[in-house]
Amino acid sequence: MKIKPPSQEYLDRAAALSRDEVERLFSRMRGKLARRFENEKIPSLDAVALQLQIEDEDLAEWRERWAELSARDEKKQKRS
């Protein structure tokens, strides 16, 4: 899997973060992104922006799955 460059929206959001928020994002960074940052293949602003983008995508996916599970649960309760 290739790491795609971050969008301008996420670069702007990453630039606006405080030092503490950036440190928290770095602590949650894992996998290929963390290795590329550690090996200085991508700048820190790009790494933070990519991490923000990944977390937003993960959250959207989780919310989608949660909505599906809630809908299934509602169906089961209506049948009972």
Protein backbone atom coordinates (compact mmCIF):
# COMPACT_ATOMS: atom_id res chain seq x y z
CA MET A 1 0.00 0.00 0.00
CA LYS A 2 1.38 3.39 -0.98
CA ILE A 3 1.03 6.35 1.29
CA LYS A 4 -0.76 9.04 -0.65
CA PRO A 5 0.08 12.70 -0.05
CA PRO A 6 -2.22 14.50 2.39
CA SER A 7 -4.88 16.85 1.10
CA GLN A 8 -4.52 20.59 1.60
CA GLU A 9 -7.38 20.54 4.12
CA TYR A 10 -5.47 18.17 6.40
CA LEU A 11 -2.21 20.08 5.94
CA ASP A 12 -3.98 23.23 7.11
CA ARG A 13 -5.53 21.41 10.08
CA ALA A 14 -2.14 19.91 11.01
CA ALA A 15 -0.45 23.32 10.87
CA ALA A 16 -3.06 24.73 13.25
CA LEU A 17 -2.52 22.10 15.97
CA SER A 18 -0.75 22.86 19.23
CA ARG A 19 2.49 21.10 20.16
CA ASP A 20 0.66 18.84 22.65
CA GLU A 21 -1.90 17.79 20.04
CA VAL A 22 0.88 17.02 17.56
CA GLU A 23 2.67 14.89 20.16
CA ARG A 24 -0.53 12.93 20.82
CA LEU A 25 -0.93 12.29 17.10
CA PHE A 26 2.66 11.10 16.83
CA SER A 27 2.10 8.72 19.75
CA ARG A 28 -0.84 7.13 17.91
CA MET A 29 1.06 6.82 14.63
CA ARG A 30 1.80 3.25 13.59
CA GLY A 31 2.91 1.05 10.74
CA LYS A 32 4.28 2.29 7.48
CA LEU A 33 3.60 5.94 8.27
CA ALA A 34 5.60 5.82 11.50
CA ARG A 35 8.53 4.08 9.81
CA ARG A 36 8.60 6.60 6.97
CA PHE A 37 8.55 9.49 9.42
CA GLU A 38 11.29 7.94 11.58
CA ASN A 39 13.47 7.38 8.51
CA GLU A 40 12.87 11.03 7.54
CA LYS A 41 11.30 10.13 4.22
CA ILE A 42 8.33 12.43 4.87
CA PRO A 43 8.24 15.80 6.68
CA SER A 44 6.60 16.01 10.10
CA LEU A 45 3.75 18.25 8.89
CA ASP A 46 2.86 15.70 6.21
CA ALA A 47 3.03 12.87 8.74
CA VAL A 48 0.68 14.69 11.13
CA ALA A 49 -1.71 15.54 8.29
CA LEU A 50 -1.74 11.92 7.12
CA GLN A 51 -2.38 10.69 10.67
CA LEU A 52 -5.33 13.10 10.96
CA GLN A 53 -6.69 11.86 7.65
CA ILE A 54 -6.30 8.20 8.66
CA GLU A 55 -8.05 8.78 11.98
CA ASP A 56 -10.93 10.61 10.30
CA GLU A 57 -11.36 7.78 7.80
CA ASP A 58 -11.24 5.18 10.59
CA LEU A 59 -13.81 7.10 12.61
CA ALA A 60 -16.15 7.38 9.62
CA GLU A 61 -15.84 3.64 9.00
CA TRP A 62 -16.50 2.86 12.67
CA ARG A 63 -19.60 5.09 12.69
CA GLU A 64 -20.88 3.33 9.58
CA ARG A 65 -20.46 -0.10 11.17
CA TRP A 66 -22.04 1.10 14.41
CA ALA A 67 -25.08 2.39 12.52
CA GLU A 68 -25.43 -0.99 10.78
CA LEU A 69 -25.26 -2.83 14.10
CA SER A 70 -27.77 -0.48 15.68
CA ALA A 71 -30.16 -0.98 12.78
CA ARG A 72 -29.86 -4.77 13.09
CA ASP A 73 -30.47 -4.56 16.82
CA GLU A 74 -33.57 -2.42 16.29
CA LYS A 75 -34.94 -4.97 13.79
CA LYS A 76 -34.43 -7.79 16.28
CA GLN A 77 -36.18 -5.87 19.03
CA LYS A 78 -39.17 -5.07 16.80
CA ARG A 79 -39.57 -8.75 15.92
CA SER A 80 -39.68 -9.75 19.57
